[in-house]
Amino acid sequence: MAHEPVPSAPDAPSTGMSRRAAFWLSANLAMVAGLVGGYGFLAWVGGRFMLPARTGRLHQLFVTSLGDIATGATLLYRTPDGRTVNVTRRGSAGTAADFIALSSTCPHLGCQVRWEGPNNRYFCPCHNGTFDPEGKATGGPPGDAGQSLPRYLLTVEKGLLYLHVPAEQLSIGEVAGIVEITGPTGPGHDPCLTCVRGCAGGANRDGAPA
């Protein structure tokens, strides 16, 4: 009686990953992680230095005594990092609600914006830009672009007016204080600024006047 050959058993399916495949997968995962980390770091750096700070601790800076600014008047204040702010008094209740603090830098090309009480507006003399009492652009190139003047927080303590700025701006310099506009101010001119008081260290870091 002839014996039939016994068929060989099929190869069992591989249950593990070859060493070469594992190395390839690990290398690609490491490359992806490196790309994600690198681009994430670049995005963080870009956001840190290209976007304005919106969070963080605020520090108060002394501006003036309430009795030194009349209702309807505006003074120009320079922050420690050199930015200028129009502080306008609109009421006489003796609270922070009497005032509004808006950047005096026109968002169009950076000229100096000033308050015009009789016209109830802020005006940029370089290109005839106009802003309403809340800082919203109403005419000129800023109005066409729908731009507004950034607003600052103000508080009143014991008859003294304080402006609040991000704490990181305090490390830039000691130039905070009230300034005045000098030179030509008509259309087509960006007026010069001269320190009146407080500049070069006129307001202490703790917010008290020097």
C-alpha atoms as a PDB file:
ATOM      1  CA  MET A   1       0.000   0.000   0.000  1.00  0.00           C
ATOM      2  CA  ALA A   2       1.485   3.275  -1.121  1.00  0.00           C
ATOM      3  CA  HIS A   3       1.871   6.004   1.430  1.00  0.00           C
ATOM      4  CA  GLU A   4       0.696   9.437   0.383  1.00  0.00           C
ATOM      5  CA  PRO A   5       3.058  12.274   1.247  1.00  0.00           C
ATOM      6  CA  VAL A   6       1.988  14.256   4.269  1.00  0.00           C
ATOM      7  CA  PRO A   7       1.541  17.915   3.261  1.00  0.00           C
ATOM      8  CA  SER A   8       3.737  20.331   5.095  1.00  0.00           C
ATOM      9  CA  ALA A   9       2.101  22.772   7.494  1.00  0.00           C
ATOM     10  CA  PRO A  10       1.750  26.351   6.175  1.00  0.00           C
ATOM     11  CA  ASP A  11       4.059  28.963   7.571  1.00  0.00           C
ATOM     12  CA  ALA A  12       2.614  30.542  10.697  1.00  0.00           C
ATOM     13  CA  PRO A  13       1.811  34.267  10.253  1.00  0.00           C
ATOM     14  CA  SER A  14       4.377  36.603  11.678  1.00  0.00           C
ATOM     15  CA  THR A  15       3.228  38.020  15.001  1.00  0.00           C
ATOM     16  CA  GLY A  16       5.970  40.536  15.472  1.00  0.00           C
ATOM     17  CA  MET A  17       7.522  43.492  13.575  1.00  0.00           C
ATOM     18  CA  SER A  18      10.813  43.035  11.826  1.00  0.00           C
ATOM     19  CA  ARG A  19      13.771  44.925  13.165  1.00  0.00           C
ATOM     20  CA  ARG A  20      14.030  46.979   9.968  1.00  0.00           C
ATOM     21  CA  ALA A  21      10.351  47.979  10.059  1.00  0.00           C
ATOM     22  CA  ALA A  22      10.590  48.943  13.716  1.00  0.00           C
ATOM     23  CA  PHE A  23      13.645  51.116  13.031  1.00  0.00           C
ATOM     24  CA  TRP A  24      11.881  52.801  10.085  1.00  0.00           C
ATOM     25  CA  LEU A  25       8.793  53.542  12.171  1.00  0.00           C
ATOM     26  CA  SER A  26      10.853  54.913  15.079  1.00  0.00           C
ATOM     27  CA  ALA A  27      12.859  57.163  12.772  1.00  0.00           C
ATOM     28  CA  ASN A  28       9.737  58.608  11.159  1.00  0.00           C
ATOM     29  CA  LEU A  29       8.034  59.193  14.497  1.00  0.00           C
ATOM     30  CA  ALA A  30      11.130  61.003  15.750  1.00  0.00           C
ATOM     31  CA  MET A  31      11.195  63.162  12.610  1.00  0.00           C
ATOM     32  CA  VAL A  32       7.518  64.090  12.959  1.00  0.00           C
ATOM     33  CA  ALA A  33       7.979  64.931  16.640  1.00  0.00           C
ATOM     34  CA  GLY A  34      10.972  67.121  15.783  1.00  0.00           C
ATOM     35  CA  LEU A  35       9.045  69.006  13.096  1.00  0.00           C
ATOM     36  CA  VAL A  36       6.052  69.551  15.375  1.00  0.00           C
ATOM     37  CA  GLY A  37       8.280  70.767  18.199  1.00  0.00           C
ATOM     38  CA  GLY A  38      10.304  73.066  15.940  1.00  0.00           C
ATOM     39  CA  TYR A  39       7.317  74.703  14.276  1.00  0.00           C
ATOM     40  CA  GLY A  40       5.531  74.952  17.601  1.00  0.00           C
ATOM     41  CA  PHE A  41       8.483  76.814  19.097  1.00  0.00           C
ATOM     42  CA  LEU A  42       8.621  79.189  16.116  1.00  0.00           C
ATOM     43  CA  ALA A  43       4.900  79.866  16.459  1.00  0.00           C
ATOM     44  CA  TRP A  44       5.338  80.625  20.172  1.00  0.00           C
ATOM     45  CA  VAL A  45       8.213  83.020  19.471  1.00  0.00           C
ATOM     46  CA  GLY A  46       6.215  84.758  16.754  1.00  0.00           C
ATOM     47  CA  GLY A  47       3.214  85.153  19.004  1.00  0.00           C
ATOM     48  CA  ARG A  48       5.363  86.394  21.882  1.00  0.00           C
ATOM     49  CA  PHE A  49       7.122  89.152  19.967  1.00  0.00           C
ATOM     50  CA  MET A  50       4.731  90.042  17.141  1.00  0.00           C
ATOM     51  CA  LEU A  51       1.425  90.171  18.992  1.00  0.00           C
ATOM     52  CA  PRO A  52       0.583  92.682  21.728  1.00  0.00           C
ATOM     53  CA  ALA A  53       0.483  91.416  25.282  1.00  0.00           C
ATOM     54  CA  ARG A  54      -3.130  91.006  26.394  1.00  0.00           C
ATOM     55  CA  THR A  55      -2.669  89.127  29.623  1.00  0.00           C
ATOM     56  CA  GLY A  56      -0.360  89.315  32.580  1.00  0.00           C
ATOM     57  CA  ARG A  57       0.076  91.555  35.586  1.00  0.00           C
ATOM     58  CA  LEU A  58      -0.662  95.251  35.148  1.00  0.00           C
ATOM     59  CA  HIS A  59       1.308  97.942  36.929  1.00  0.00           C
ATOM     60  CA  GLN A  60      -0.106 101.348  37.836  1.00  0.00           C
ATOM     61  CA  LEU A  61       1.748 104.546  37.002  1.00  0.00           C
ATOM     62  CA  PHE A  62       0.945 107.923  38.534  1.00  0.00           C
ATOM     63  CA  VAL A  63      -0.370 110.396  35.953  1.00  0.00           C
ATOM     64  CA  THR A  64      -1.614 113.502  37.774  1.00  0.00           C
ATOM     65  CA  SER A  65      -3.779 114.835  40.593  1.00  0.00           C
ATOM     66  CA  LEU A  66      -7.451 115.157  39.708  1.00  0.00           C
ATOM     67  CA  GLY A  67      -7.323 118.860  40.481  1.00  0.00           C
ATOM     68  CA  ASP A  68      -4.628 119.401  37.853  1.00  0.00           C
ATOM     69  CA  ILE A  69      -6.792 118.440  34.876  1.00  0.00           C
ATOM     70  CA  ALA A  70     -10.019 120.300  34.141  1.00  0.00           C
ATOM     71  CA  THR A  71     -13.160 118.769  32.704  1.00  0.00           C
ATOM     72  CA  GLY A  72     -12.852 118.774  28.909  1.00  0.00           C
ATOM     73  CA  ALA A  73      -9.055 118.994  29.003  1.00  0.00           C
ATOM     74  CA  THR A  74      -6.539 116.435  27.741  1.00  0.00           C
ATOM     75  CA  LEU A  75      -2.984 115.732  28.779  1.00  0.00           C
ATOM     76  CA  LEU A  76      -0.428 113.621  26.962  1.00  0.00           C
ATOM     77  CA  TYR A  77       1.298 110.905  28.974  1.00  0.00           C
ATOM     78  CA  ARG A  78       4.353 108.880  27.958  1.00  0.00           C
ATOM     79  CA  THR A  79       4.631 105.290  29.219  1.00  0.00           C
ATOM     80  CA  PRO A  80       7.954 103.694  30.250  1.00  0.00           C
ATOM     81  CA  ASP A  81       8.386 102.094  26.828  1.00  0.00           C
ATOM     82  CA  GLY A  82       7.923 105.422  25.013  1.00  0.00           C
ATOM     83  CA  ARG A  83       4.280 105.090  23.930  1.00  0.00           C
ATOM     84  CA  THR A  84       2.140 108.201  24.264  1.00  0.00           C
ATOM     85  CA  VAL A  85      -1.414 108.266  25.583  1.00  0.00           C
ATOM     86  CA  ASN A  86      -4.105 110.958  25.467  1.00  0.00           C
ATOM     87  CA  VAL A  87      -5.808 111.163  28.865  1.00  0.00           C
ATOM     88  CA  THR A  88      -9.041 113.150  28.496  1.00  0.00           C
ATOM     89  CA  ARG A  89     -11.314 114.233  31.329  1.00  0.00           C
ATOM     90  CA  ARG A  90     -15.001 114.045  30.415  1.00  0.00           C
ATOM     91  CA  GLY A  91     -16.721 114.348  33.800  1.00  0.00           C
ATOM     92  CA  SER A  92     -16.393 115.890  37.249  1.00  0.00           C
ATOM     93  CA  ALA A  93     -17.532 113.105  39.623  1.00  0.00           C
ATOM     94  CA  GLY A  94     -13.971 112.470  40.768  1.00  0.00           C
ATOM     95  CA  THR A  95     -13.862 108.828  39.664  1.00  0.00           C
ATOM     96  CA  ALA A  96     -12.053 106.897  36.930  1.00  0.00           C
ATOM     97  CA  ALA A  97     -15.258 107.005  34.871  1.00  0.00           C
ATOM     98  CA  ASP A  98     -14.579 110.726  34.319  1.00  0.00           C
ATOM     99  CA  PHE A  99     -11.567 109.869  32.164  1.00  0.00           C
ATOM    100  CA  ILE A 100     -10.622 107.987  29.051  1.00  0.00           C
ATOM    101  CA  ALA A 101      -7.070 107.034  28.055  1.00  0.00           C
ATOM    102  CA  LEU A 102      -6.410 106.322  24.384  1.00  0.00           C
ATOM    103  CA  SER A 103      -3.205 105.784  22.467  1.00  0.00           C
ATOM    104  CA  SER A 104      -2.153 109.024  20.763  1.00  0.00           C
ATOM    105  CA  THR A 105      -0.432 107.103  17.943  1.00  0.00           C
ATOM    106  CA  CYS A 106      -2.521 107.036  14.777  1.00  0.00           C
ATOM    107  CA  PRO A 107      -2.903 103.436  13.555  1.00  0.00           C
ATOM    108  CA  HIS A 108      -2.499 104.652   9.967  1.00  0.00           C
ATOM    109  CA  LEU A 109       1.142 105.818   9.867  1.00  0.00           C
ATOM    110  CA  GLY A 110       1.967 106.542  13.500  1.00  0.00           C
ATOM    111  CA  CYS A 111       1.455 110.317  13.674  1.00  0.00           C
ATOM    112  CA  GLN A 112       0.320 112.026  16.880  1.00  0.00           C
ATOM    113  CA  VAL A 113      -3.433 112.160  17.487  1.00  0.00           C
ATOM    114  CA  ARG A 114      -4.805 114.990  19.647  1.00  0.00           C
ATOM    115  CA  TRP A 115      -8.163 115.787  21.231  1.00  0.00           C
ATOM    116  CA  GLU A 116     -10.271 118.600  19.712  1.00  0.00           C
ATOM    117  CA  GLY A 117     -12.845 119.557  22.326  1.00  0.00           C
ATOM    118  CA  PRO A 118     -14.913 121.970  20.168  1.00  0.00           C
ATOM    119  CA  ASN A 119     -15.240 119.273  17.500  1.00  0.00           C
ATOM    120  CA  ASN A 120     -15.754 116.449  20.049  1.00  0.00           C
ATOM    121  CA  ARG A 121     -13.203 114.248  18.334  1.00  0.00           C
ATOM    122  CA  TYR A 122      -9.592 113.076  18.204  1.00  0.00           C
ATOM    123  CA  PHE A 123      -7.741 114.337  15.149  1.00  0.00           C
ATOM    124  CA  CYS A 124      -4.602 113.221  13.307  1.00  0.00           C
ATOM    125  CA  PRO A 125      -3.042 116.200  11.467  1.00  0.00           C
ATOM    126  CA  CYS A 126      -0.912 114.165   9.076  1.00  0.00           C
ATOM    127  CA  HIS A 127      -3.701 112.776   6.892  1.00  0.00           C
ATOM    128  CA  ASN A 128      -6.842 114.252   8.472  1.00  0.00           C
ATOM    129  CA  GLY A 129      -7.796 111.104  10.327  1.00  0.00           C
ATOM    130  CA  THR A 130     -10.650 111.528  12.802  1.00  0.00           C
ATOM    131  CA  PHE A 131     -11.827 109.445  15.778  1.00  0.00           C
ATOM    132  CA  ASP A 132     -14.902 109.702  17.988  1.00  0.00           C
ATOM    133  CA  PRO A 133     -14.649 110.272  21.794  1.00  0.00           C
ATOM    134  CA  GLU A 134     -14.346 106.504  22.326  1.00  0.00           C
ATOM    135  CA  GLY A 135     -11.410 106.201  19.913  1.00  0.00           C
ATOM    136  CA  LYS A 136     -13.244 104.660  16.944  1.00  0.00           C
ATOM    137  CA  ALA A 137     -12.096 106.017  13.574  1.00  0.00           C
ATOM    138  CA  THR A 138     -14.701 108.082  11.746  1.00  0.00           C
ATOM    139  CA  GLY A 139     -12.796 109.611   8.819  1.00  0.00           C
ATOM    140  CA  GLY A 140      -9.607 109.743   6.810  1.00  0.00           C
ATOM    141  CA  PRO A 141      -7.426 106.675   6.184  1.00  0.00           C
ATOM    142  CA  PRO A 142      -8.122 105.202   9.655  1.00  0.00           C
ATOM    143  CA  GLY A 143     -11.861 105.470   9.031  1.00  0.00           C
ATOM    144  CA  ASP A 144     -11.526 103.777   5.638  1.00  0.00           C
ATOM    145  CA  ALA A 145      -9.621 100.926   7.297  1.00  0.00           C
ATOM    146  CA  GLY A 146     -12.024 100.629  10.263  1.00  0.00           C
ATOM    147  CA  GLN A 147      -9.244 101.208  12.792  1.00  0.00           C
ATOM    148  CA  SER A 148      -9.472 102.354  16.404  1.00  0.00           C
ATOM    149  CA  LEU A 149      -7.187 103.823  19.057  1.00  0.00           C
ATOM    150  CA  PRO A 150      -6.126 101.277  21.740  1.00  0.00           C
ATOM    151  CA  ARG A 151      -7.551 102.048  25.179  1.00  0.00           C
ATOM    152  CA  TYR A 152      -5.777 101.940  28.556  1.00  0.00           C
ATOM    153  CA  LEU A 153      -7.165 101.195  32.002  1.00  0.00           C
ATOM    154  CA  LEU A 154      -7.344 104.081  34.482  1.00  0.00           C
ATOM    155  CA  THR A 155      -8.007 104.112  38.225  1.00  0.00           C
ATOM    156  CA  VAL A 156      -8.370 106.839  40.855  1.00  0.00           C
ATOM    157  CA  GLU A 157      -7.018 106.504  44.398  1.00  0.00           C
ATOM    158  CA  LYS A 158      -7.109 109.286  47.004  1.00  0.00           C
ATOM    159  CA  GLY A 159      -7.532 111.997  44.388  1.00  0.00           C
ATOM    160  CA  LEU A 160      -4.695 110.705  42.194  1.00  0.00           C
ATOM    161  CA  LEU A 161      -5.080 109.360  38.659  1.00  0.00           C
ATOM    162  CA  TYR A 162      -3.193 106.199  37.625  1.00  0.00           C
ATOM    163  CA  LEU A 163      -2.621 104.567  34.250  1.00  0.00           C
ATOM    164  CA  HIS A 164      -2.148 100.784  34.063  1.00  0.00           C
ATOM    165  CA  VAL A 165       0.376  99.158  31.716  1.00  0.00           C
ATOM    166  CA  PRO A 166       1.730  95.584  31.408  1.00  0.00           C
ATOM    167  CA  ALA A 167       4.523  94.998  33.914  1.00  0.00           C
ATOM    168  CA  GLU A 168       6.954  93.826  31.221  1.00  0.00           C
ATOM    169  CA  GLN A 169       6.931  97.296  29.660  1.00  0.00           C
ATOM    170  CA  LEU A 170       8.498  98.776  32.796  1.00  0.00           C
ATOM    171  CA  SER A 171      11.882  97.189  32.087  1.00  0.00           C
ATOM    172  CA  ILE A 172      12.391  99.131  28.857  1.00  0.00           C
ATOM    173  CA  GLY A 173      13.264 102.526  30.254  1.00  0.00           C
ATOM    174  CA  GLU A 174      12.517 105.348  32.678  1.00  0.00           C
ATOM    175  CA  VAL A 175      10.796 107.924  30.451  1.00  0.00           C
ATOM    176  CA  ALA A 176       7.304 107.926  31.936  1.00  0.00           C
ATOM    177  CA  GLY A 177       5.621 111.279  32.523  1.00  0.00           C
ATOM    178  CA  ILE A 178       3.514 114.067  31.064  1.00  0.00           C
ATOM    179  CA  VAL A 179       4.685 115.586  27.788  1.00  0.00           C
ATOM    180  CA  GLU A 180       3.500 118.527  25.714  1.00  0.00           C
ATOM    181  CA  ILE A 181       3.125 119.046  21.988  1.00  0.00           C
ATOM    182  CA  THR A 182       5.507 121.545  20.407  1.00  0.00           C
ATOM    183  CA  GLY A 183       6.124 122.608  16.847  1.00  0.00           C
ATOM    184  CA  PRO A 184       3.638 122.741  13.956  1.00  0.00           C
ATOM    185  CA  THR A 185       0.325 120.970  14.431  1.00  0.00           C
ATOM    186  CA  GLY A 186      -1.567 121.747  11.225  1.00  0.00           C
ATOM    187  CA  PRO A 187      -2.500 119.308   8.447  1.00  0.00           C
ATOM    188  CA  GLY A 188       0.501 117.472   7.099  1.00  0.00           C
ATOM    189  CA  HIS A 189       2.577 117.888  10.279  1.00  0.00           C
ATOM    190  CA  ASP A 190       3.447 115.361  12.963  1.00  0.00           C
ATOM    191  CA  PRO A 191       4.058 117.577  16.047  1.00  0.00           C
ATOM    192  CA  CYS A 192       7.151 117.227  18.200  1.00  0.00           C
ATOM    193  CA  LEU A 193       6.902 116.212  21.859  1.00  0.00           C
ATOM    194  CA  THR A 194       8.675 117.825  24.809  1.00  0.00           C
ATOM    195  CA  CYS A 195       8.708 116.555  28.363  1.00  0.00           C
ATOM    196  CA  VAL A 196       6.833 118.705  30.889  1.00  0.00           C
ATOM    197  CA  ARG A 197       7.267 116.696  34.076  1.00  0.00           C
ATOM    198  CA  GLY A 198       7.736 113.161  35.196  1.00  0.00           C
ATOM    199  CA  CYS A 199       9.955 112.034  32.306  1.00  0.00           C
ATOM    200  CA  ALA A 200      13.248 110.313  33.102  1.00  0.00           C
ATOM    201  CA  GLY A 201      11.963 108.807  36.308  1.00  0.00           C
ATOM    202  CA  GLY A 202       9.161 111.153  37.353  1.00  0.00           C
ATOM    203  CA  ALA A 203       6.874 108.328  38.451  1.00  0.00           C
ATOM    204  CA  ASN A 204       8.075 105.704  40.843  1.00  0.00           C
ATOM    205  CA  ARG A 205       7.518 102.016  40.095  1.00  0.00           C
ATOM    206  CA  ASP A 206       5.095 101.757  43.000  1.00  0.00           C
ATOM    207  CA  GLY A 207       2.820 104.304  41.355  1.00  0.00           C
ATOM    208  CA  ALA A 208       3.514 107.215  43.699  1.00  0.00           C
ATOM    209  CA  PRO A 209       4.580 110.576  42.312  1.00  0.00           C
ATOM    210  CA  ALA A 210       8.268 111.400  42.702  1.00  0.00           C
END
